[in-house]
């Protein structure tokens, strides 16, 4: 993750970053690999961030 901006969402439970290669990475920090539930506001925030990162590539 060199020279990447890391975006913490939902108090760090979800992390998004863009690699220099152009790939957008999304990681969840659920200790048991459980599915991640997004509320309306979280889904909108994540969607807007993903669109912005994709447009910057």
Protein backbone atom coordinates (compact mmCIF):
# COMPACT_ATOMS: atom_id res chain seq x y z
CA UNK A 1 0.00 0.00 0.00
CA UNK A 2 2.75 2.44 -0.76
CA UNK A 3 1.61 6.01 -1.32
CA UNK A 4 -2.05 5.05 -0.97
CA UNK A 5 -4.69 6.98 0.87
CA UNK A 6 -6.59 4.70 3.20
CA UNK A 7 -10.25 5.45 3.91
CA UNK A 8 -11.74 4.00 7.10
CA UNK A 9 -15.49 3.49 7.04
CA UNK A 10 -17.78 2.43 9.86
CA UNK A 11 -15.22 3.12 12.57
CA UNK A 12 -12.54 1.12 10.79
CA UNK A 13 -14.65 -1.99 10.19
CA UNK A 14 -14.30 -1.41 6.43
CA UNK A 15 -11.19 -0.08 4.77
CA UNK A 16 -10.84 1.13 1.17
CA UNK A 17 -7.69 2.13 -0.67
CA UNK A 18 -6.49 2.52 -4.25
CA UNK A 19 -3.24 0.94 -5.37
CA UNK A 20 -0.83 2.67 -7.71
CA UNK A 21 -1.73 0.04 -10.32
CA UNK A 22 -5.27 1.43 -10.35
CA UNK A 23 -6.91 -1.39 -8.40
CA UNK A 24 -9.38 -0.36 -5.72
CA UNK A 25 -9.14 -2.54 -2.64
CA UNK A 26 -11.88 -3.14 -0.06
CA UNK A 27 -11.25 -5.02 3.16
CA UNK A 28 -13.58 -5.76 6.02
CA UNK A 29 -12.31 -6.30 9.52
CA UNK A 30 -14.80 -8.84 10.78
CA UNK A 31 -12.93 -11.22 13.11
CA UNK A 32 -14.87 -14.35 12.07
CA UNK A 33 -15.39 -13.52 8.38
CA UNK A 34 -19.03 -12.68 8.93
CA UNK A 35 -20.93 -10.76 6.25
CA UNK A 36 -20.83 -6.99 6.58
CA UNK A 37 -24.12 -5.17 6.90
CA UNK A 38 -24.37 -1.67 5.41
CA UNK A 39 -27.02 0.80 6.42
CA UNK A 40 -28.38 3.30 3.92
CA UNK A 41 -25.90 6.04 4.82
CA UNK A 42 -22.93 3.63 4.86
CA UNK A 43 -23.89 2.22 1.46
CA UNK A 44 -24.16 5.71 -0.01
CA UNK A 45 -20.83 6.76 1.50
CA UNK A 46 -19.09 3.64 0.18
CA UNK A 47 -20.69 4.02 -3.25
CA UNK A 48 -19.65 7.66 -3.55
CA UNK A 49 -16.09 6.83 -2.47
CA UNK A 50 -15.81 3.98 -4.98
CA UNK A 51 -17.08 6.16 -7.82
CA UNK A 52 -14.66 8.95 -6.90
CA UNK A 53 -11.69 6.58 -6.71
CA UNK A 54 -12.63 4.98 -10.04
CA UNK A 55 -12.88 8.38 -11.72
CA UNK A 56 -9.45 9.39 -10.37
CA UNK A 57 -7.79 6.35 -11.96
